[in-house]
Amino acid sequence: MYIAMNRFKVTKGSEADFETVWETRDSQLDQVPGFVEFRLLKGAEAEDHTLYASHTLWKDHDAFVAWTKSEHFRKAHANAGNADRKPLYQGHPQFEGFETVQKL
């Protein structure tokens, strides 16, 4: 298994809008070979932001890489840099990828 995560520092007061973007986007992940599961996680609050992480579980690293090169990926991220949208988070998301080495 492979876990792909992006961490977002969501600007205080923008949490509901950020969650709505994720709830309403057409990710098409359920149509992608090797996709297992998606979760949007809400973490700790700081003075100026709330931490979020998008968390996807894949059959393996190759399935994740294939998705990043697919039309599904391009469609899901088509509006990610939309200048008309109010900035919801600070800076760029921080990507973290993990290979499973042990499962209980």
N, C-alpha and C. Protein backbone atom coordinates (compact mmCIF):
# COMPACT_ATOMS: atom_id res chain seq x y z
N MET A 1 0.84 -1.18 0.00
CA MET A 1 0.00 0.00 0.00
C MET A 1 0.88 1.24 0.00
N TYR A 2 0.31 2.33 -0.54
CA TYR A 2 1.00 3.61 -0.58
C TYR A 2 0.03 4.69 -0.09
N ILE A 3 0.52 5.56 0.78
CA ILE A 3 -0.28 6.66 1.29
C ILE A 3 0.29 7.96 0.76
N ALA A 4 -0.57 8.78 0.15
CA ALA A 4 -0.18 10.09 -0.35
C ALA A 4 -0.96 11.14 0.44
N MET A 5 -0.23 12.10 1.00
CA MET A 5 -0.87 13.14 1.81
C MET A 5 -0.40 14.51 1.36
N ASN A 6 -1.30 15.46 1.41
CA ASN A 6 -0.96 16.88 1.23
C ASN A 6 -1.44 17.61 2.47
N ARG A 7 -0.54 18.37 3.07
CA ARG A 7 -0.89 19.18 4.25
C ARG A 7 -1.17 20.61 3.79
N PHE A 8 -2.25 21.18 4.33
CA PHE A 8 -2.67 22.53 4.01
C PHE A 8 -2.79 23.35 5.29
N LYS A 9 -2.26 24.56 5.27
CA LYS A 9 -2.47 25.51 6.36
C LYS A 9 -3.60 26.43 5.92
N VAL A 10 -4.81 26.11 6.38
CA VAL A 10 -6.01 26.84 5.96
C VAL A 10 -6.17 28.08 6.83
N THR A 11 -6.27 29.22 6.17
CA THR A 11 -6.39 30.50 6.86
C THR A 11 -7.63 30.51 7.76
N LYS A 12 -7.44 30.99 8.98
CA LYS A 12 -8.55 31.09 9.93
C LYS A 12 -9.74 31.78 9.28
N GLY A 13 -10.92 31.22 9.47
CA GLY A 13 -12.14 31.75 8.89
C GLY A 13 -12.47 31.19 7.52
N SER A 14 -11.54 30.44 6.93
CA SER A 14 -11.76 29.86 5.60
C SER A 14 -12.02 28.36 5.65
N GLU A 15 -12.14 27.80 6.84
CA GLU A 15 -12.28 26.35 6.97
C GLU A 15 -13.51 25.81 6.25
N ALA A 16 -14.66 26.44 6.44
CA ALA A 16 -15.90 25.96 5.79
C ALA A 16 -15.79 26.02 4.27
N ASP A 17 -15.22 27.10 3.74
CA ASP A 17 -15.05 27.22 2.29
C ASP A 17 -14.09 26.15 1.77
N PHE A 18 -13.01 25.90 2.50
CA PHE A 18 -12.04 24.88 2.11
C PHE A 18 -12.70 23.50 2.07
N GLU A 19 -13.46 23.18 3.09
CA GLU A 19 -14.15 21.89 3.14
C GLU A 19 -15.17 21.77 2.00
N THR A 20 -15.85 22.85 1.68
CA THR A 20 -16.83 22.84 0.58
C THR A 20 -16.16 22.55 -0.75
N VAL A 21 -14.99 23.14 -0.98
CA VAL A 21 -14.25 22.87 -2.22
C VAL A 21 -14.01 21.38 -2.35
N TRP A 22 -13.59 20.73 -1.27
CA TRP A 22 -13.30 19.29 -1.32
C TRP A 22 -14.57 18.46 -1.46
N GLU A 23 -15.65 18.88 -0.81
CA GLU A 23 -16.92 18.14 -0.87
C GLU A 23 -17.56 18.20 -2.24
N THR A 24 -17.35 19.29 -2.97
CA THR A 24 -18.05 19.50 -4.23
C THR A 24 -17.21 19.22 -5.47
N ARG A 25 -15.92 18.93 -5.31
CA ARG A 25 -15.10 18.69 -6.50
C ARG A 25 -15.34 17.31 -7.06
N ASP A 26 -15.17 17.20 -8.35
CA ASP A 26 -15.37 15.93 -9.06
C ASP A 26 -14.03 15.23 -9.20
N SER A 27 -13.60 14.51 -8.17
CA SER A 27 -12.26 13.90 -8.17
C SER A 27 -12.16 12.69 -9.09
N GLN A 28 -13.26 11.98 -9.27
CA GLN A 28 -13.29 10.76 -10.08
C GLN A 28 -12.34 9.68 -9.57
N LEU A 29 -11.91 9.78 -8.32
CA LEU A 29 -10.97 8.80 -7.77
C LEU A 29 -11.54 7.38 -7.81
N ASP A 30 -12.84 7.26 -7.63
CA ASP A 30 -13.45 5.92 -7.62
C ASP A 30 -13.34 5.21 -8.97
N GLN A 31 -12.93 5.94 -10.01
CA GLN A 31 -12.77 5.35 -11.34
C GLN A 31 -11.31 5.04 -11.67
N VAL A 32 -10.40 5.32 -10.73
CA VAL A 32 -8.97 5.19 -11.00
C VAL A 32 -8.46 3.84 -10.52
N PRO A 33 -7.81 3.07 -11.40
CA PRO A 33 -7.25 1.77 -10.99
C PRO A 33 -6.22 1.94 -9.86
N GLY A 34 -6.35 1.13 -8.83
CA GLY A 34 -5.41 1.16 -7.72
C GLY A 34 -5.80 2.06 -6.57
N PHE A 35 -6.84 2.90 -6.76
CA PHE A 35 -7.31 3.76 -5.68
C PHE A 35 -8.07 2.93 -4.66
N VAL A 36 -7.80 3.18 -3.37
CA VAL A 36 -8.45 2.43 -2.30
C VAL A 36 -9.36 3.32 -1.46
N GLU A 37 -8.84 4.49 -1.00
CA GLU A 37 -9.62 5.28 -0.05
C GLU A 37 -9.13 6.73 -0.03
N PHE A 38 -10.06 7.65 0.25
CA PHE A 38 -9.73 9.06 0.44
C PHE A 38 -10.33 9.55 1.75
N ARG A 39 -9.58 10.41 2.43
CA ARG A 39 -10.09 11.10 3.62
C ARG A 39 -9.53 12.51 3.63
N LEU A 40 -10.35 13.46 4.06
CA LEU A 40 -9.88 14.81 4.34
C LEU A 40 -9.84 14.93 5.86
N LEU A 41 -8.67 15.22 6.39
CA LEU A 41 -8.46 15.26 7.83
C LEU A 41 -8.30 16.70 8.31
N LYS A 42 -8.92 17.00 9.44
CA LYS A 42 -8.79 18.32 10.06
C LYS A 42 -7.96 18.16 11.32
N GLY A 43 -6.93 18.99 11.44
CA GLY A 43 -6.01 18.86 12.56
C GLY A 43 -6.06 20.03 13.51
N ALA A 44 -4.92 20.30 14.08
CA ALA A 44 -4.79 21.31 15.12
C ALA A 44 -4.97 22.72 14.57
N GLU A 45 -5.43 23.60 15.46
CA GLU A 45 -5.57 25.01 15.12
C GLU A 45 -4.38 25.77 15.68
N ALA A 46 -3.88 26.70 14.88
CA ALA A 46 -2.84 27.63 15.32
C ALA A 46 -3.47 29.02 15.34
N GLU A 47 -2.68 30.01 15.64
CA GLU A 47 -3.22 31.37 15.74
C GLU A 47 -3.79 31.87 14.41
N ASP A 48 -3.11 31.53 13.29
CA ASP A 48 -3.52 32.07 12.00
C ASP A 48 -4.03 31.04 11.00
N HIS A 49 -4.05 29.76 11.38
CA HIS A 49 -4.50 28.73 10.44
C HIS A 49 -4.97 27.47 11.16
N THR A 50 -5.66 26.62 10.39
CA THR A 50 -6.04 25.29 10.84
C THR A 50 -5.38 24.30 9.90
N LEU A 51 -4.79 23.27 10.45
CA LEU A 51 -4.09 22.27 9.64
C LEU A 51 -5.09 21.25 9.09
N TYR A 52 -4.99 20.99 7.79
CA TYR A 52 -5.77 19.94 7.13
C TYR A 52 -4.80 19.04 6.37
N ALA A 53 -5.21 17.81 6.12
CA ALA A 53 -4.44 16.90 5.27
C ALA A 53 -5.40 16.11 4.40
N SER A 54 -5.09 16.06 3.11
CA SER A 54 -5.80 15.13 2.23
C SER A 54 -5.00 13.83 2.28
N HIS A 55 -5.70 12.72 2.38
CA HIS A 55 -5.06 11.43 2.62
C HIS A 55 -5.65 10.41 1.66
N THR A 56 -4.83 9.92 0.73
CA THR A 56 -5.31 8.88 -0.18
C THR A 56 -4.51 7.62 0.01
N LEU A 57 -5.20 6.51 -0.07
CA LEU A 57 -4.58 5.19 0.06
C LEU A 57 -4.66 4.51 -1.31
N TRP A 58 -3.52 3.99 -1.75
CA TRP A 58 -3.39 3.38 -3.07
C TRP A 58 -2.87 1.96 -2.95
N LYS A 59 -3.18 1.14 -3.95
CA LYS A 59 -2.69 -0.24 -3.99
C LYS A 59 -1.17 -0.28 -3.88
N ASP A 60 -0.52 0.64 -4.60
CA ASP A 60 0.94 0.74 -4.55
C ASP A 60 1.37 2.09 -5.12
N HIS A 61 2.65 2.36 -5.04
CA HIS A 61 3.20 3.63 -5.51
C HIS A 61 2.96 3.83 -7.01
N ASP A 62 3.08 2.77 -7.78
CA ASP A 62 2.87 2.86 -9.23
C ASP A 62 1.46 3.32 -9.57
N ALA A 63 0.46 2.85 -8.82
CA ALA A 63 -0.93 3.27 -9.07
C ALA A 63 -1.08 4.77 -8.80
N PHE A 64 -0.45 5.25 -7.73
CA PHE A 64 -0.50 6.68 -7.42
C PHE A 64 0.16 7.50 -8.54
N VAL A 65 1.34 7.10 -8.96
CA VAL A 65 2.05 7.83 -10.02
C VAL A 65 1.24 7.83 -11.31
N ALA A 66 0.63 6.70 -11.64
CA ALA A 66 -0.19 6.63 -12.86
C ALA A 66 -1.35 7.63 -12.77
N TRP A 67 -1.96 7.75 -11.60
CA TRP A 67 -3.05 8.70 -11.43
C TRP A 67 -2.57 10.13 -11.66
N THR A 68 -1.37 10.48 -11.15
CA THR A 68 -0.87 11.85 -11.30
C THR A 68 -0.60 12.21 -12.76
N LYS A 69 -0.52 11.22 -13.62
CA LYS A 69 -0.28 11.45 -15.05
C LYS A 69 -1.56 11.28 -15.88
N SER A 70 -2.68 11.10 -15.21
CA SER A 70 -3.93 10.77 -15.91
C SER A 70 -4.81 11.99 -16.18
N GLU A 71 -5.78 11.79 -17.06
CA GLU A 71 -6.78 12.80 -17.34
C GLU A 71 -7.65 13.05 -16.10
N HIS A 72 -7.90 12.00 -15.30
CA HIS A 72 -8.66 12.15 -14.05
C HIS A 72 -7.98 13.18 -13.14
N PHE A 73 -6.67 13.09 -13.04
CA PHE A 73 -5.90 14.01 -12.20
C PHE A 73 -6.03 15.45 -12.73
N ARG A 74 -5.86 15.62 -14.03
CA ARG A 74 -5.96 16.96 -14.63
C ARG A 74 -7.34 17.57 -14.39
N LYS A 75 -8.38 16.77 -14.53
CA LYS A 75 -9.74 17.28 -14.31
C LYS A 75 -9.96 17.64 -12.85
N ALA A 76 -9.49 16.81 -11.94
CA ALA A 76 -9.69 17.05 -10.51
C ALA A 76 -8.96 18.29 -10.03
N HIS A 77 -7.85 18.64 -10.69
CA HIS A 77 -7.05 19.78 -10.26
C HIS A 77 -7.18 20.99 -11.19
N ALA A 78 -8.15 20.97 -12.07
CA ALA A 78 -8.29 22.02 -13.08
C ALA A 78 -8.44 23.41 -12.47
N ASN A 79 -9.12 23.54 -11.34
CA ASN A 79 -9.37 24.85 -10.73
C ASN A 79 -8.51 25.10 -9.49
N ALA A 80 -7.50 24.29 -9.27
CA ALA A 80 -6.70 24.41 -8.05
C ALA A 80 -6.03 25.77 -7.93
N GLY A 81 -5.59 26.35 -9.03
CA GLY A 81 -4.92 27.65 -8.98
C GLY A 81 -5.78 28.79 -9.44
N ASN A 82 -7.09 28.63 -9.35
CA ASN A 82 -8.03 29.62 -9.83
C ASN A 82 -7.82 30.96 -9.13
N ALA A 83 -7.37 31.96 -9.87
CA ALA A 83 -7.08 33.28 -9.30
C ALA A 83 -8.35 33.99 -8.84
N ASP A 84 -9.52 33.60 -9.35
CA ASP A 84 -10.77 34.23 -8.95
C ASP A 84 -11.21 33.78 -7.56
N ARG A 85 -10.71 32.65 -7.11
CA ARG A 85 -11.09 32.10 -5.81
C ARG A 85 -10.25 32.77 -4.73
N LYS A 86 -10.90 33.16 -3.65
CA LYS A 86 -10.19 33.74 -2.50
C LYS A 86 -9.16 32.73 -1.99
N PRO A 87 -7.95 33.17 -1.70
CA PRO A 87 -6.95 32.22 -1.17
C PRO A 87 -7.45 31.60 0.14
N LEU A 88 -7.55 30.30 0.16
CA LEU A 88 -8.07 29.61 1.33
C LEU A 88 -6.96 29.10 2.25
N TYR A 89 -5.78 28.91 1.69
CA TYR A 89 -4.69 28.38 2.52
C TYR A 89 -3.39 29.12 2.25
N GLN A 90 -2.48 28.97 3.19
CA GLN A 90 -1.22 29.70 3.16
C GLN A 90 -0.14 28.88 2.48
N GLY A 91 0.49 29.45 1.48
CA GLY A 91 1.57 28.76 0.78
C GLY A 91 1.06 27.60 -0.05
N HIS A 92 2.00 26.77 -0.48
CA HIS A 92 1.67 25.58 -1.25
C HIS A 92 1.42 24.41 -0.31
N PRO A 93 0.58 23.45 -0.73
CA PRO A 93 0.42 22.25 0.09
C PRO A 93 1.76 21.52 0.21
N GLN A 94 1.95 20.86 1.34
CA GLN A 94 3.17 20.08 1.55
C GLN A 94 2.85 18.62 1.31
N PHE A 95 3.48 18.02 0.27
CA PHE A 95 3.24 16.62 -0.07
C PHE A 95 4.11 15.71 0.79
N GLU A 96 3.52 14.58 1.19
CA GLU A 96 4.24 13.52 1.89
C GLU A 96 3.74 12.19 1.36
N GLY A 97 4.64 11.31 0.96
CA GLY A 97 4.28 9.99 0.46
C GLY A 97 4.91 8.91 1.31
N PHE A 98 4.18 7.83 1.55
CA PHE A 98 4.63 6.77 2.44
C PHE A 98 4.35 5.39 1.86
N GLU A 99 5.34 4.52 1.89
CA GLU A 99 5.18 3.11 1.56
C GLU A 99 4.83 2.35 2.84
N THR A 100 3.90 1.43 2.77
CA THR A 100 3.58 0.61 3.93
C THR A 100 4.69 -0.41 4.16
N VAL A 101 5.21 -0.45 5.38
CA VAL A 101 6.24 -1.44 5.71
C VAL A 101 5.74 -2.46 6.73
N GLN A 102 4.66 -2.13 7.41
CA GLN A 102 4.08 -3.06 8.38
C GLN A 102 2.60 -2.79 8.52
N LYS A 103 1.81 -3.83 8.60
CA LYS A 103 0.37 -3.69 8.79
C LYS A 103 -0.06 -4.69 9.85
N LEU A 104 -0.81 -4.23 10.82
CA LEU A 104 -1.32 -5.12 11.87
C LEU A 104 -2.75 -5.47 11.61
